[in-house]
Amino acid sequence: MVTRKAPHKEIEDDPGADVRLEMAVLAADGEDGVEASGIEVERDETSYSYRTLELLAEREPQSELFFLLGADMAAGLASWREPARVLELAKLGVVPRPGVGLGAVSSALERLGAADRAEIIDMPLCGASSTTVRQRAREGKPLRHLVPDPVVRVIAERELYR
């Protein structure tokens, strides 16, 4: 999911939502069960997760929604716009992140009355993030194994994030 306008941060050297969507499509290409979505890029408004989930629920009313996010984001869910609506519309899949204890996630969800609305995704810790990718690109460091090869090529060919 690619945002047009993130509510919480501005990306330095942002190549724009259309280019980020192009990279997401390249990253998802050929991956079973994975699809890049431009639903947020299509709207010219700040992207809030609750609103995106509402739109997805309207488009696919028979589908059960799952919202995957890192433990760092899940631990701060209470500060989001309409966190109760997010939890009403989707179950959370929480991915462990370095430096964030899962106890912080559990506490945050308990405070929201949603301890039963999340599942920890059992996978190895991964320190890669979009911030890491942009920083490495800026420094001319290799990106292989952080993003799919077609995305590495787009970043290099267009000198993105430099």
C-alpha atoms as a PDB file:
ATOM      1  CA  MET A   1       0.000   0.000   0.000  1.00  0.00           C
ATOM      2  CA  VAL A   2       1.524   3.265  -1.112  1.00  0.00           C
ATOM      3  CA  THR A   3       0.427   6.550   0.442  1.00  0.00           C
ATOM      4  CA  ARG A   4      -0.010   9.804  -1.416  1.00  0.00           C
ATOM      5  CA  LYS A   5       0.159  11.949   1.734  1.00  0.00           C
ATOM      6  CA  ALA A   6       1.360  10.389   4.984  1.00  0.00           C
ATOM      7  CA  PRO A   7      -0.065  12.055   8.101  1.00  0.00           C
ATOM      8  CA  HIS A   8       2.990  11.526  10.299  1.00  0.00           C
ATOM      9  CA  LYS A   9       6.087  12.318   8.236  1.00  0.00           C
ATOM     10  CA  GLU A  10       7.428  13.837   5.088  1.00  0.00           C
ATOM     11  CA  ILE A  11       9.957  11.773   3.161  1.00  0.00           C
ATOM     12  CA  GLU A  12      13.151  13.570   2.237  1.00  0.00           C
ATOM     13  CA  ASP A  13      13.872  13.279  -1.505  1.00  0.00           C
ATOM     14  CA  ASP A  14      10.481  11.641  -2.085  1.00  0.00           C
ATOM     15  CA  PRO A  15      10.275  10.571  -5.745  1.00  0.00           C
ATOM     16  CA  GLY A  16       6.484  10.895  -5.555  1.00  0.00           C
ATOM     17  CA  ALA A  17       3.581   8.542  -4.983  1.00  0.00           C
ATOM     18  CA  ASP A  18       3.434   7.382  -8.605  1.00  0.00           C
ATOM     19  CA  VAL A  19       7.082   6.263  -8.578  1.00  0.00           C
ATOM     20  CA  ARG A  20       6.669   4.590  -5.183  1.00  0.00           C
ATOM     21  CA  LEU A  21       3.601   2.763  -6.537  1.00  0.00           C
ATOM     22  CA  GLU A  22       5.589   1.673  -9.602  1.00  0.00           C
ATOM     23  CA  MET A  23       8.255   0.209  -7.290  1.00  0.00           C
ATOM     24  CA  ALA A  24       5.590  -1.544  -5.189  1.00  0.00           C
ATOM     25  CA  VAL A  25       4.109  -3.104  -8.344  1.00  0.00           C
ATOM     26  CA  LEU A  26       7.587  -4.313  -9.367  1.00  0.00           C
ATOM     27  CA  ALA A  27       8.185  -5.724  -5.873  1.00  0.00           C
ATOM     28  CA  ALA A  28       4.879  -7.633  -5.886  1.00  0.00           C
ATOM     29  CA  ASP A  29       5.177  -8.919  -9.449  1.00  0.00           C
ATOM     30  CA  GLY A  30       5.297 -12.700  -9.521  1.00  0.00           C
ATOM     31  CA  GLU A  31       4.676 -13.101  -5.779  1.00  0.00           C
ATOM     32  CA  ASP A  32       1.681 -15.341  -5.104  1.00  0.00           C
ATOM     33  CA  GLY A  33      -0.961 -13.671  -2.962  1.00  0.00           C
ATOM     34  CA  VAL A  34       0.779 -10.278  -3.022  1.00  0.00           C
ATOM     35  CA  GLU A  35      -0.612  -7.279  -4.847  1.00  0.00           C
ATOM     36  CA  ALA A  36       0.393  -3.632  -4.826  1.00  0.00           C
ATOM     37  CA  SER A  37      -2.508  -1.260  -4.296  1.00  0.00           C
ATOM     38  CA  GLY A  38      -2.895   2.286  -5.512  1.00  0.00           C
ATOM     39  CA  ILE A  39      -6.055   2.930  -3.504  1.00  0.00           C
ATOM     40  CA  GLU A  40      -4.361   5.645  -1.444  1.00  0.00           C
ATOM     41  CA  VAL A  41      -2.550   7.157  -4.430  1.00  0.00           C
ATOM     42  CA  GLU A  42      -5.897   7.570  -6.205  1.00  0.00           C
ATOM     43  CA  ARG A  43      -7.151   9.893  -3.449  1.00  0.00           C
ATOM     44  CA  ASP A  44      -5.845  13.423  -3.042  1.00  0.00           C
ATOM     45  CA  GLU A  45      -6.103  13.494   0.726  1.00  0.00           C
ATOM     46  CA  THR A  46      -4.032  12.573   3.739  1.00  0.00           C
ATOM     47  CA  SER A  47      -3.852   8.790   4.101  1.00  0.00           C
ATOM     48  CA  TYR A  48      -5.330   7.493   7.326  1.00  0.00           C
ATOM     49  CA  SER A  49      -5.439   3.727   7.822  1.00  0.00           C
ATOM     50  CA  TYR A  50      -9.014   3.710   9.116  1.00  0.00           C
ATOM     51  CA  ARG A  51     -10.229   5.443   5.944  1.00  0.00           C
ATOM     52  CA  THR A  52      -8.304   3.095   3.661  1.00  0.00           C
ATOM     53  CA  LEU A  53      -9.747   0.106   5.516  1.00  0.00           C
ATOM     54  CA  GLU A  54     -13.248   1.575   5.133  1.00  0.00           C
ATOM     55  CA  LEU A  55     -12.716   1.877   1.375  1.00  0.00           C
ATOM     56  CA  LEU A  56     -11.368  -1.673   1.149  1.00  0.00           C
ATOM     57  CA  ALA A  57     -14.334  -2.977   3.159  1.00  0.00           C
ATOM     58  CA  GLU A  58     -16.734  -1.151   0.818  1.00  0.00           C
ATOM     59  CA  ARG A  59     -15.031  -2.614  -2.269  1.00  0.00           C
ATOM     60  CA  GLU A  60     -14.809  -6.146  -0.857  1.00  0.00           C
ATOM     61  CA  PRO A  61     -17.627  -6.460   1.717  1.00  0.00           C
ATOM     62  CA  GLN A  62     -17.358 -10.262   1.847  1.00  0.00           C
ATOM     63  CA  SER A  63     -13.623 -10.241   2.626  1.00  0.00           C
ATOM     64  CA  GLU A  64     -12.039 -10.349   6.060  1.00  0.00           C
ATOM     65  CA  LEU A  65      -9.346  -7.673   6.290  1.00  0.00           C
ATOM     66  CA  PHE A  66      -5.944  -8.187   7.872  1.00  0.00           C
ATOM     67  CA  PHE A  67      -3.652  -5.245   8.493  1.00  0.00           C
ATOM     68  CA  LEU A  68       0.045  -6.122   8.695  1.00  0.00           C
ATOM     69  CA  LEU A  69       2.270  -3.717  10.573  1.00  0.00           C
ATOM     70  CA  GLY A  70       5.488  -3.642  12.523  1.00  0.00           C
ATOM     71  CA  ALA A  71       5.528  -3.944  16.306  1.00  0.00           C
ATOM     72  CA  ASP A  72       6.800  -0.355  16.508  1.00  0.00           C
ATOM     73  CA  MET A  73       3.646   0.890  14.765  1.00  0.00           C
ATOM     74  CA  ALA A  74       1.344  -1.445  16.699  1.00  0.00           C
ATOM     75  CA  ALA A  75       2.754  -0.232  20.033  1.00  0.00           C
ATOM     76  CA  GLY A  76       1.780   3.334  19.073  1.00  0.00           C
ATOM     77  CA  LEU A  77      -1.620   2.497  17.620  1.00  0.00           C
ATOM     78  CA  ALA A  78      -3.489   4.476  20.299  1.00  0.00           C
ATOM     79  CA  SER A  79      -2.033   7.711  18.875  1.00  0.00           C
ATOM     80  CA  TRP A  80      -3.400   7.044  15.391  1.00  0.00           C
ATOM     81  CA  ARG A  81      -6.505   8.683  13.996  1.00  0.00           C
ATOM     82  CA  GLU A  82      -9.500   6.436  14.823  1.00  0.00           C
ATOM     83  CA  PRO A  83      -7.589   3.413  16.215  1.00  0.00           C
ATOM     84  CA  ALA A  84     -10.826   1.763  17.359  1.00  0.00           C
ATOM     85  CA  ARG A  85     -12.136   1.930  13.799  1.00  0.00           C
ATOM     86  CA  VAL A  86      -8.931   0.313  12.492  1.00  0.00           C
ATOM     87  CA  LEU A  87      -9.425  -2.549  14.945  1.00  0.00           C
ATOM     88  CA  GLU A  88     -13.118  -2.839  14.117  1.00  0.00           C
ATOM     89  CA  LEU A  89     -12.401  -3.185  10.397  1.00  0.00           C
ATOM     90  CA  ALA A  90      -9.360  -5.466  10.427  1.00  0.00           C
ATOM     91  CA  LYS A  91      -7.442  -7.979  12.450  1.00  0.00           C
ATOM     92  CA  LEU A  92      -3.812  -7.026  12.985  1.00  0.00           C
ATOM     93  CA  GLY A  93      -0.833  -9.093  11.968  1.00  0.00           C
ATOM     94  CA  VAL A  94       2.085  -7.748  14.014  1.00  0.00           C
ATOM     95  CA  VAL A  95       5.624  -8.294  12.781  1.00  0.00           C
ATOM     96  CA  PRO A  96       8.381  -8.205  15.434  1.00  0.00           C
ATOM     97  CA  ARG A  97      10.826  -5.315  15.046  1.00  0.00           C
ATOM     98  CA  PRO A  98      14.247  -4.799  16.621  1.00  0.00           C
ATOM     99  CA  GLY A  99      14.113  -2.681  19.760  1.00  0.00           C
ATOM    100  CA  VAL A 100      10.379  -3.119  20.355  1.00  0.00           C
ATOM    101  CA  GLY A 101       9.256  -5.654  22.918  1.00  0.00           C
ATOM    102  CA  LEU A 102       6.061  -7.500  22.215  1.00  0.00           C
ATOM    103  CA  GLY A 103       4.932  -6.608  25.732  1.00  0.00           C
ATOM    104  CA  ALA A 104       4.578  -3.000  24.561  1.00  0.00           C
ATOM    105  CA  VAL A 105       2.323  -4.193  21.742  1.00  0.00           C
ATOM    106  CA  SER A 106       0.207  -6.306  24.110  1.00  0.00           C
ATOM    107  CA  SER A 107      -0.168  -3.392  26.531  1.00  0.00           C
ATOM    108  CA  ALA A 108      -1.196  -1.011  23.759  1.00  0.00           C
ATOM    109  CA  LEU A 109      -3.796  -3.442  22.438  1.00  0.00           C
ATOM    110  CA  GLU A 110      -5.143  -4.171  25.922  1.00  0.00           C
ATOM    111  CA  ARG A 111      -5.597  -0.434  26.545  1.00  0.00           C
ATOM    112  CA  LEU A 112      -7.628  -0.286  23.335  1.00  0.00           C
ATOM    113  CA  GLY A 113      -9.664  -3.330  24.374  1.00  0.00           C
ATOM    114  CA  ALA A 114      -8.361  -5.244  21.371  1.00  0.00           C
ATOM    115  CA  ALA A 115      -6.029  -7.925  22.716  1.00  0.00           C
ATOM    116  CA  ASP A 116      -8.020 -10.493  20.708  1.00  0.00           C
ATOM    117  CA  ARG A 117      -7.725  -8.535  17.434  1.00  0.00           C
ATOM    118  CA  ALA A 118      -4.026  -9.153  16.802  1.00  0.00           C
ATOM    119  CA  GLU A 119      -1.721 -12.010  16.006  1.00  0.00           C
ATOM    120  CA  ILE A 120       2.057 -11.960  16.195  1.00  0.00           C
ATOM    121  CA  ILE A 121       3.566 -13.131  12.920  1.00  0.00           C
ATOM    122  CA  ASP A 122       6.261 -15.643  13.812  1.00  0.00           C
ATOM    123  CA  MET A 123       9.255 -14.683  11.698  1.00  0.00           C
ATOM    124  CA  PRO A 124      12.877 -13.706  12.198  1.00  0.00           C
ATOM    125  CA  LEU A 125      13.570 -10.125  13.208  1.00  0.00           C
ATOM    126  CA  CYS A 126      14.305  -7.904  10.252  1.00  0.00           C
ATOM    127  CA  GLY A 127      15.988  -4.548  10.717  1.00  0.00           C
ATOM    128  CA  ALA A 128      15.303  -3.440   7.145  1.00  0.00           C
ATOM    129  CA  SER A 129      13.015  -0.457   6.743  1.00  0.00           C
ATOM    130  CA  SER A 130      12.180   2.122   4.115  1.00  0.00           C
ATOM    131  CA  THR A 131      14.354   4.572   6.047  1.00  0.00           C
ATOM    132  CA  THR A 132      17.294   2.142   5.863  1.00  0.00           C
ATOM    133  CA  VAL A 133      16.787   1.636   2.121  1.00  0.00           C
ATOM    134  CA  ARG A 134      16.656   5.389   1.444  1.00  0.00           C
ATOM    135  CA  GLN A 135      19.744   6.038   3.599  1.00  0.00           C
ATOM    136  CA  ARG A 136      21.753   3.272   1.894  1.00  0.00           C
ATOM    137  CA  ALA A 137      20.707   4.571  -1.550  1.00  0.00           C
ATOM    138  CA  ARG A 138      21.756   8.086  -0.529  1.00  0.00           C
ATOM    139  CA  GLU A 139      25.158   6.727   0.522  1.00  0.00           C
ATOM    140  CA  GLY A 140      25.567   4.622  -2.621  1.00  0.00           C
ATOM    141  CA  LYS A 141      25.562   1.368  -0.624  1.00  0.00           C
ATOM    142  CA  PRO A 142      24.166  -1.913  -2.001  1.00  0.00           C
ATOM    143  CA  LEU A 143      20.432  -2.520  -1.680  1.00  0.00           C
ATOM    144  CA  ARG A 144      20.412  -6.134  -2.793  1.00  0.00           C
ATOM    145  CA  HIS A 145      18.409  -8.404  -0.470  1.00  0.00           C
ATOM    146  CA  LEU A 146      16.699  -5.349   1.065  1.00  0.00           C
ATOM    147  CA  VAL A 147      14.366  -4.821  -1.879  1.00  0.00           C
ATOM    148  CA  PRO A 148      13.678  -6.965  -4.980  1.00  0.00           C
ATOM    149  CA  ASP A 149      16.161  -6.632  -7.851  1.00  0.00           C
ATOM    150  CA  PRO A 150      13.757  -4.737 -10.182  1.00  0.00           C
ATOM    151  CA  VAL A 151      13.350  -2.105  -7.445  1.00  0.00           C
ATOM    152  CA  VAL A 152      17.136  -1.915  -6.970  1.00  0.00           C
ATOM    153  CA  ARG A 153      17.425  -1.202 -10.714  1.00  0.00           C
ATOM    154  CA  VAL A 154      14.794   1.578 -10.660  1.00  0.00           C
ATOM    155  CA  ILE A 155      16.472   3.260  -7.684  1.00  0.00           C
ATOM    156  CA  ALA A 156      19.901   3.060  -9.360  1.00  0.00           C
ATOM    157  CA  GLU A 157      18.803   4.052 -12.878  1.00  0.00           C
ATOM    158  CA  ARG A 158      16.822   7.068 -11.680  1.00  0.00           C
ATOM    159  CA  GLU A 159      19.257   7.943  -8.885  1.00  0.00           C
ATOM    160  CA  LEU A 160      16.414   8.037  -6.391  1.00  0.00           C
ATOM    161  CA  TYR A 161      17.008   9.270  -2.819  1.00  0.00           C
ATOM    162  CA  ARG A 162      20.363  10.896  -3.689  1.00  0.00           C
END
